[in-house]
Amino acid sequence: MPLNFLRRKKAPAAVAVPTPVAPTGLRVMRAGVAFDAVTEDWRLTGRMDVEGRLSDALNKREAVAIHDVQWSPIDGSGPLVEAPGLKSVDPYDLILVLAGEGSMPELTDIERAAHRVHKVSYDVALEVPPFRVLGTVFMHPGSEPDRLLDRATEMFVPVVEAVATYGDVRVGDPDVETVLVNRFYLRGVEQIDKRTGIKAQRLPGAPLGGTTWQDRS
């Protein structure tokens, strides 16, 4: 599946873009992981034929089979309608993927404890044009959030307790609070005060020791 096939302005002539049809009757849901994703022009919902973590499947950078797909213009100019012709998606085309609980296998108490020990949380605002994502990312000790701009092995970075917006409009289901961000589209990273959503201000004077807001944010 070629890159950019989901962008209306740049759709390659050789790719047959399916014509949306109005949904009729009840949809029979098949197995797979539910997903809600956006490209520059489209919102896509459906199910991905993957097992385990959705982020692990996307980070393989290989086309993923999808089914039960609906789509709509990202600007809200039309409702979600059936897109039966979409049988696979290239992760490179996806800017954000909202990951529900079904895409994240339950962690054991030991795994949760290890995660807290080995990662530092930062509250950030991510600029992913035309979207903005506010939430929390987890970094290895010694790594600053700016490192997310590097082209690392992980193509998608998870942002938890996240809110993604397109202009003033929230993207996706408000009950889904984990957003996978495609780092290839990431253009800006800023540490914020999560209560206000704006850049955290440094307090005057030198730190007195202990953990600073930078380590906790």
C-alpha atoms as a PDB file:
ATOM      1  CA  MET A   1       0.000   0.000   0.000  1.00  0.00           C
ATOM      2  CA  PRO A   2       1.746   3.230  -1.099  1.00  0.00           C
ATOM      3  CA  LEU A   3       2.448   6.107   1.218  1.00  0.00           C
ATOM      4  CA  ASN A   4      -0.072   9.010   1.070  1.00  0.00           C
ATOM      5  CA  PHE A   5      -2.938   6.896  -0.261  1.00  0.00           C
ATOM      6  CA  LEU A   6      -5.244   8.330   2.402  1.00  0.00           C
ATOM      7  CA  ARG A   7      -4.525  11.963   1.564  1.00  0.00           C
ATOM      8  CA  ARG A   8      -7.248  13.359  -0.641  1.00  0.00           C
ATOM      9  CA  LYS A   9      -5.083  16.109  -2.090  1.00  0.00           C
ATOM     10  CA  LYS A  10      -2.280  13.792  -3.125  1.00  0.00           C
ATOM     11  CA  ALA A  11      -3.998  10.470  -3.831  1.00  0.00           C
ATOM     12  CA  PRO A  12      -1.970   8.563  -6.473  1.00  0.00           C
ATOM     13  CA  ALA A  13      -3.882   7.939  -9.671  1.00  0.00           C
ATOM     14  CA  ALA A  14      -2.883   4.283  -9.676  1.00  0.00           C
ATOM     15  CA  VAL A  15      -4.652   3.596  -6.385  1.00  0.00           C
ATOM     16  CA  ALA A  16      -8.361   2.893  -6.496  1.00  0.00           C
ATOM     17  CA  VAL A  17      -9.855   4.911  -3.644  1.00  0.00           C
ATOM     18  CA  PRO A  18     -13.038   3.185  -2.481  1.00  0.00           C
ATOM     19  CA  THR A  19     -16.300   5.087  -2.723  1.00  0.00           C
ATOM     20  CA  PRO A  20     -17.936   5.401   0.698  1.00  0.00           C
ATOM     21  CA  VAL A  21     -21.396   3.924   0.920  1.00  0.00           C
ATOM     22  CA  ALA A  22     -24.059   4.561   3.504  1.00  0.00           C
ATOM     23  CA  PRO A  23     -24.237   1.893   6.205  1.00  0.00           C
ATOM     24  CA  THR A  24     -27.140  -0.520   5.870  1.00  0.00           C
ATOM     25  CA  GLY A  25     -28.400  -2.910   8.539  1.00  0.00           C
ATOM     26  CA  LEU A  26     -26.375  -4.274  11.421  1.00  0.00           C
ATOM     27  CA  ARG A  27     -22.606  -4.643  11.157  1.00  0.00           C
ATOM     28  CA  VAL A  28     -21.184  -8.041  12.024  1.00  0.00           C
ATOM     29  CA  MET A  29     -18.012  -7.391  14.017  1.00  0.00           C
ATOM     30  CA  ARG A  30     -15.131  -9.799  13.467  1.00  0.00           C
ATOM     31  CA  ALA A  31     -12.123 -10.444  15.673  1.00  0.00           C
ATOM     32  CA  GLY A  32      -9.257  -7.992  15.903  1.00  0.00           C
ATOM     33  CA  VAL A  33      -8.156  -4.911  17.833  1.00  0.00           C
ATOM     34  CA  ALA A  34     -10.424  -1.870  17.589  1.00  0.00           C
ATOM     35  CA  PHE A  35      -8.719   1.288  16.360  1.00  0.00           C
ATOM     36  CA  ASP A  36      -9.560   4.937  15.735  1.00  0.00           C
ATOM     37  CA  ALA A  37      -6.948   6.707  13.615  1.00  0.00           C
ATOM     38  CA  VAL A  38      -6.437   9.936  11.695  1.00  0.00           C
ATOM     39  CA  THR A  39      -4.476  10.944   8.626  1.00  0.00           C
ATOM     40  CA  GLU A  40      -4.062  14.458   7.238  1.00  0.00           C
ATOM     41  CA  ASP A  41      -7.526  14.251   5.663  1.00  0.00           C
ATOM     42  CA  TRP A  42      -9.424  11.275   7.087  1.00  0.00           C
ATOM     43  CA  ARG A  43     -10.616   9.694  10.286  1.00  0.00           C
ATOM     44  CA  LEU A  44     -10.701   5.891  10.150  1.00  0.00           C
ATOM     45  CA  THR A  45     -12.323   3.466  12.584  1.00  0.00           C
ATOM     46  CA  GLY A  46     -12.482  -0.301  12.472  1.00  0.00           C
ATOM     47  CA  ARG A  47     -10.489  -3.319  13.574  1.00  0.00           C
ATOM     48  CA  MET A  48      -6.876  -4.314  12.906  1.00  0.00           C
ATOM     49  CA  ASP A  49      -5.891  -7.945  12.411  1.00  0.00           C
ATOM     50  CA  VAL A  50      -3.174  -7.903  15.078  1.00  0.00           C
ATOM     51  CA  GLU A  51      -2.495  -9.634  18.377  1.00  0.00           C
ATOM     52  CA  GLY A  52      -0.991  -8.032  21.456  1.00  0.00           C
ATOM     53  CA  ARG A  53      -0.133  -4.372  21.670  1.00  0.00           C
ATOM     54  CA  LEU A  54      -1.302  -2.146  18.848  1.00  0.00           C
ATOM     55  CA  SER A  55       1.879  -0.060  19.163  1.00  0.00           C
ATOM     56  CA  ASP A  56       4.060  -3.153  18.651  1.00  0.00           C
ATOM     57  CA  ALA A  57       2.223  -3.999  15.416  1.00  0.00           C
ATOM     58  CA  LEU A  58       2.469  -0.436  14.077  1.00  0.00           C
ATOM     59  CA  ASN A  59       6.143  -0.125  14.992  1.00  0.00           C
ATOM     60  CA  LYS A  60       6.943  -2.997  12.626  1.00  0.00           C
ATOM     61  CA  ARG A  61       6.293  -0.432   9.841  1.00  0.00           C
ATOM     62  CA  GLU A  62       4.479  -2.987   7.731  1.00  0.00           C
ATOM     63  CA  ALA A  63       0.997  -2.794   6.212  1.00  0.00           C
ATOM     64  CA  VAL A  64      -1.690  -4.023   8.597  1.00  0.00           C
ATOM     65  CA  ALA A  65      -4.851  -5.812   7.487  1.00  0.00           C
ATOM     66  CA  ILE A  66      -8.029  -4.006   8.592  1.00  0.00           C
ATOM     67  CA  HIS A  67     -11.746  -4.727   8.410  1.00  0.00           C
ATOM     68  CA  ASP A  68     -15.135  -3.327   9.470  1.00  0.00           C
ATOM     69  CA  VAL A  69     -13.763   0.066   8.411  1.00  0.00           C
ATOM     70  CA  GLN A  70     -15.618   3.361   8.412  1.00  0.00           C
ATOM     71  CA  TRP A  71     -14.214   6.732   7.436  1.00  0.00           C
ATOM     72  CA  SER A  72     -15.103  10.415   7.396  1.00  0.00           C
ATOM     73  CA  PRO A  73     -13.374  13.699   6.482  1.00  0.00           C
ATOM     74  CA  ILE A  74     -11.176  14.898   9.321  1.00  0.00           C
ATOM     75  CA  ASP A  75     -12.730  18.378   9.162  1.00  0.00           C
ATOM     76  CA  GLY A  76     -16.098  17.002  10.261  1.00  0.00           C
ATOM     77  CA  SER A  77     -17.786  17.869   6.970  1.00  0.00           C
ATOM     78  CA  GLY A  78     -19.338  14.398   6.747  1.00  0.00           C
ATOM     79  CA  PRO A  79     -20.343  11.459   8.981  1.00  0.00           C
ATOM     80  CA  LEU A  80     -18.571   8.145   9.332  1.00  0.00           C
ATOM     81  CA  VAL A  81     -19.642   5.830   6.484  1.00  0.00           C
ATOM     82  CA  GLU A  82     -18.693   2.346   5.405  1.00  0.00           C
ATOM     83  CA  ALA A  83     -15.424   1.952   3.471  1.00  0.00           C
ATOM     84  CA  PRO A  84     -15.490  -1.727   2.422  1.00  0.00           C
ATOM     85  CA  GLY A  85     -12.679  -1.242  -0.101  1.00  0.00           C
ATOM     86  CA  LEU A  86     -10.098  -0.462   2.586  1.00  0.00           C
ATOM     87  CA  LYS A  87      -8.469  -3.810   3.384  1.00  0.00           C
ATOM     88  CA  SER A  88      -5.098  -2.666   4.756  1.00  0.00           C
ATOM     89  CA  VAL A  89      -3.350   0.439   6.039  1.00  0.00           C
ATOM     90  CA  ASP A  90       0.268   1.566   5.977  1.00  0.00           C
ATOM     91  CA  PRO A  91       1.435   2.875   9.396  1.00  0.00           C
ATOM     92  CA  TYR A  92       3.293   5.670   7.602  1.00  0.00           C
ATOM     93  CA  ASP A  93      -0.085   7.146   6.606  1.00  0.00           C
ATOM     94  CA  LEU A  94      -1.351   7.328  10.187  1.00  0.00           C
ATOM     95  CA  ILE A  95      -0.590  10.463  12.197  1.00  0.00           C
ATOM     96  CA  LEU A  96      -2.420   9.522  15.403  1.00  0.00           C
ATOM     97  CA  VAL A  97      -3.974   6.265  16.573  1.00  0.00           C
ATOM     98  CA  LEU A  98      -6.291   6.227  19.572  1.00  0.00           C
ATOM     99  CA  ALA A  99      -5.636   3.013  21.464  1.00  0.00           C
ATOM    100  CA  GLY A 100      -8.408   1.563  23.607  1.00  0.00           C
ATOM    101  CA  GLU A 101      -8.016  -0.843  26.506  1.00  0.00           C
ATOM    102  CA  GLY A 102      -8.278  -3.830  24.184  1.00  0.00           C
ATOM    103  CA  SER A 103      -5.041  -2.815  22.470  1.00  0.00           C
ATOM    104  CA  MET A 104      -3.040  -2.780  25.697  1.00  0.00           C
ATOM    105  CA  PRO A 105      -2.625  -6.181  27.406  1.00  0.00           C
ATOM    106  CA  GLU A 106      -3.084  -5.969  31.176  1.00  0.00           C
ATOM    107  CA  LEU A 107       0.181  -5.479  33.072  1.00  0.00           C
ATOM    108  CA  THR A 108       1.020  -7.481  36.174  1.00  0.00           C
ATOM    109  CA  ASP A 109       1.797  -5.682  39.452  1.00  0.00           C
ATOM    110  CA  ILE A 110       5.482  -6.500  38.933  1.00  0.00           C
ATOM    111  CA  GLU A 111       5.435  -5.010  35.411  1.00  0.00           C
ATOM    112  CA  ARG A 112       3.734  -1.851  36.665  1.00  0.00           C
ATOM    113  CA  ALA A 113       6.319  -1.455  39.427  1.00  0.00           C
ATOM    114  CA  ALA A 114       9.191  -1.984  36.972  1.00  0.00           C
ATOM    115  CA  HIS A 115       7.668   0.591  34.618  1.00  0.00           C
ATOM    116  CA  ARG A 116       7.511   3.196  37.393  1.00  0.00           C
ATOM    117  CA  VAL A 117      11.095   2.529  38.435  1.00  0.00           C
ATOM    118  CA  HIS A 118      12.644   2.650  34.982  1.00  0.00           C
ATOM    119  CA  LYS A 119      10.676   5.492  33.367  1.00  0.00           C
ATOM    120  CA  VAL A 120      10.191   9.187  34.196  1.00  0.00           C
ATOM    121  CA  SER A 121       6.880  10.848  33.341  1.00  0.00           C
ATOM    122  CA  TYR A 122       6.653  14.236  31.622  1.00  0.00           C
ATOM    123  CA  ASP A 123       3.554  16.272  30.852  1.00  0.00           C
ATOM    124  CA  VAL A 124       3.901  17.567  27.315  1.00  0.00           C
ATOM    125  CA  ALA A 125       2.213  19.304  24.408  1.00  0.00           C
ATOM    126  CA  LEU A 126       3.045  17.664  21.076  1.00  0.00           C
ATOM    127  CA  GLU A 127       2.603  19.549  17.812  1.00  0.00           C
ATOM    128  CA  VAL A 128       1.657  17.044  15.123  1.00  0.00           C
ATOM    129  CA  PRO A 129       0.186  19.236  12.348  1.00  0.00           C
ATOM    130  CA  PRO A 130      -2.713  19.613  11.889  1.00  0.00           C
ATOM    131  CA  PHE A 131      -3.204  18.102  15.376  1.00  0.00           C
ATOM    132  CA  ARG A 132      -2.107  18.926  18.917  1.00  0.00           C
ATOM    133  CA  VAL A 133      -1.791  16.327  21.674  1.00  0.00           C
ATOM    134  CA  LEU A 134      -1.650  17.083  25.409  1.00  0.00           C
ATOM    135  CA  GLY A 135      -0.754  14.279  27.789  1.00  0.00           C
ATOM    136  CA  THR A 136       1.976  12.365  29.580  1.00  0.00           C
ATOM    137  CA  VAL A 137       4.932  10.523  28.062  1.00  0.00           C
ATOM    138  CA  PHE A 138       7.370   8.192  29.807  1.00  0.00           C
ATOM    139  CA  MET A 139      11.085   8.550  29.132  1.00  0.00           C
ATOM    140  CA  HIS A 140      14.150   6.649  30.289  1.00  0.00           C
ATOM    141  CA  PRO A 141      16.096   8.476  33.030  1.00  0.00           C
ATOM    142  CA  GLY A 142      18.434  11.016  31.467  1.00  0.00           C
ATOM    143  CA  SER A 143      16.271  11.476  28.361  1.00  0.00           C
ATOM    144  CA  GLU A 144      14.387  14.730  27.851  1.00  0.00           C
ATOM    145  CA  PRO A 145      11.082  14.914  25.946  1.00  0.00           C
ATOM    146  CA  ASP A 146      12.843  16.756  23.104  1.00  0.00           C
ATOM    147  CA  ARG A 147      14.422  13.420  22.229  1.00  0.00           C
ATOM    148  CA  LEU A 148      11.051  12.399  20.818  1.00  0.00           C
ATOM    149  CA  LEU A 149      11.967  14.492  17.778  1.00  0.00           C
ATOM    150  CA  ASP A 150      14.788  12.072  17.013  1.00  0.00           C
ATOM    151  CA  ARG A 151      14.050   9.370  14.449  1.00  0.00           C
ATOM    152  CA  ALA A 152      14.386   6.387  16.746  1.00  0.00           C
ATOM    153  CA  THR A 153      13.469   2.741  16.391  1.00  0.00           C
ATOM    154  CA  GLU A 154       9.977   3.317  17.772  1.00  0.00           C
ATOM    155  CA  MET A 155       7.828   4.912  15.096  1.00  0.00           C
ATOM    156  CA  PHE A 156       4.870   5.502  17.437  1.00  0.00           C
ATOM    157  CA  VAL A 157       5.166   6.894  20.947  1.00  0.00           C
ATOM    158  CA  PRO A 158       2.292   6.385  23.418  1.00  0.00           C
ATOM    159  CA  VAL A 159       0.858   9.431  25.202  1.00  0.00           C
ATOM    160  CA  VAL A 160      -1.352   8.593  28.184  1.00  0.00           C
ATOM    161  CA  GLU A 161      -4.136  10.617  29.789  1.00  0.00           C
ATOM    162  CA  ALA A 162      -4.070  12.349  26.418  1.00  0.00           C
ATOM    163  CA  VAL A 163      -6.330  14.776  24.599  1.00  0.00           C
ATOM    164  CA  ALA A 164      -5.883  15.175  20.835  1.00  0.00           C
ATOM    165  CA  THR A 165      -7.426  18.172  19.089  1.00  0.00           C
ATOM    166  CA  TYR A 166      -7.928  19.375  15.525  1.00  0.00           C
ATOM    167  CA  GLY A 167      -8.190  23.110  15.963  1.00  0.00           C
ATOM    168  CA  ASP A 168     -10.710  23.492  18.780  1.00  0.00           C
ATOM    169  CA  VAL A 169     -12.342  20.092  18.190  1.00  0.00           C
ATOM    170  CA  ARG A 170     -11.405  17.007  20.192  1.00  0.00           C
ATOM    171  CA  VAL A 171     -10.435  14.009  18.065  1.00  0.00           C
ATOM    172  CA  GLY A 172     -11.988  10.595  18.676  1.00  0.00           C
ATOM    173  CA  ASP A 173     -13.792   9.061  21.623  1.00  0.00           C
ATOM    174  CA  PRO A 174     -13.271  11.088  24.847  1.00  0.00           C
ATOM    175  CA  ASP A 175     -13.234   7.829  26.840  1.00  0.00           C
ATOM    176  CA  VAL A 176     -10.016   6.761  25.064  1.00  0.00           C
ATOM    177  CA  GLU A 177      -7.069   8.402  26.805  1.00  0.00           C
ATOM    178  CA  THR A 178      -4.065   6.787  25.109  1.00  0.00           C
ATOM    179  CA  VAL A 179      -2.893   8.257  21.813  1.00  0.00           C
ATOM    180  CA  LEU A 180      -0.124   6.738  19.701  1.00  0.00           C
ATOM    181  CA  VAL A 181       1.747   9.562  17.944  1.00  0.00           C
ATOM    182  CA  ASN A 182       3.665   8.955  14.721  1.00  0.00           C
ATOM    183  CA  ARG A 183       7.050  10.569  15.365  1.00  0.00           C
ATOM    184  CA  PHE A 184       7.621  11.161  11.657  1.00  0.00           C
ATOM    185  CA  TYR A 185       4.891  13.831  11.832  1.00  0.00           C
ATOM    186  CA  LEU A 186       6.047  15.307  15.142  1.00  0.00           C
ATOM    187  CA  ARG A 187       7.154  18.934  14.737  1.00  0.00           C
ATOM    188  CA  GLY A 188       7.310  20.284  18.285  1.00  0.00           C
ATOM    189  CA  VAL A 189       7.582  19.131  21.907  1.00  0.00           C
ATOM    190  CA  GLU A 190       6.998  21.365  24.918  1.00  0.00           C
ATOM    191  CA  GLN A 191       6.848  20.521  28.597  1.00  0.00           C
ATOM    192  CA  ILE A 192       3.664  21.922  30.105  1.00  0.00           C
ATOM    193  CA  ASP A 193       1.768  22.335  33.329  1.00  0.00           C
ATOM    194  CA  LYS A 194      -0.966  19.764  32.802  1.00  0.00           C
ATOM    195  CA  ARG A 195      -3.464  21.773  34.861  1.00  0.00           C
ATOM    196  CA  THR A 196      -3.304  24.732  32.475  1.00  0.00           C
ATOM    197  CA  GLY A 197      -2.049  23.144  29.249  1.00  0.00           C
ATOM    198  CA  ILE A 198       0.629  25.826  28.850  1.00  0.00           C
ATOM    199  CA  LYS A 199       4.392  25.857  29.273  1.00  0.00           C
ATOM    200  CA  ALA A 200       5.461  25.290  32.845  1.00  0.00           C
ATOM    201  CA  GLN A 201       7.224  28.278  34.364  1.00  0.00           C
ATOM    202  CA  ARG A 202      10.508  27.895  36.188  1.00  0.00           C
ATOM    203  CA  LEU A 203      10.449  29.227  39.726  1.00  0.00           C
ATOM    204  CA  PRO A 204      13.100  31.816  40.676  1.00  0.00           C
ATOM    205  CA  GLY A 205      16.131  30.696  42.631  1.00  0.00           C
ATOM    206  CA  ALA A 206      18.088  27.489  42.757  1.00  0.00           C
ATOM    207  CA  PRO A 207      16.543  24.107  43.601  1.00  0.00           C
ATOM    208  CA  LEU A 208      16.890  23.010  47.225  1.00  0.00           C
ATOM    209  CA  GLY A 209      17.339  19.367  46.311  1.00  0.00           C
ATOM    210  CA  GLY A 210      14.977  16.463  45.886  1.00  0.00           C
ATOM    211  CA  THR A 211      12.755  15.849  42.872  1.00  0.00           C
ATOM    212  CA  THR A 212      11.922  18.873  40.715  1.00  0.00           C
ATOM    213  CA  TRP A 213       8.800  19.444  38.597  1.00  0.00           C
ATOM    214  CA  GLN A 214      10.889  18.477  35.571  1.00  0.00           C
ATOM    215  CA  ASP A 215      11.325  14.987  36.971  1.00  0.00           C
ATOM    216  CA  ARG A 216       7.650  14.634  37.881  1.00  0.00           C
ATOM    217  CA  SER A 217       6.017  16.408  34.934  1.00  0.00           C
END
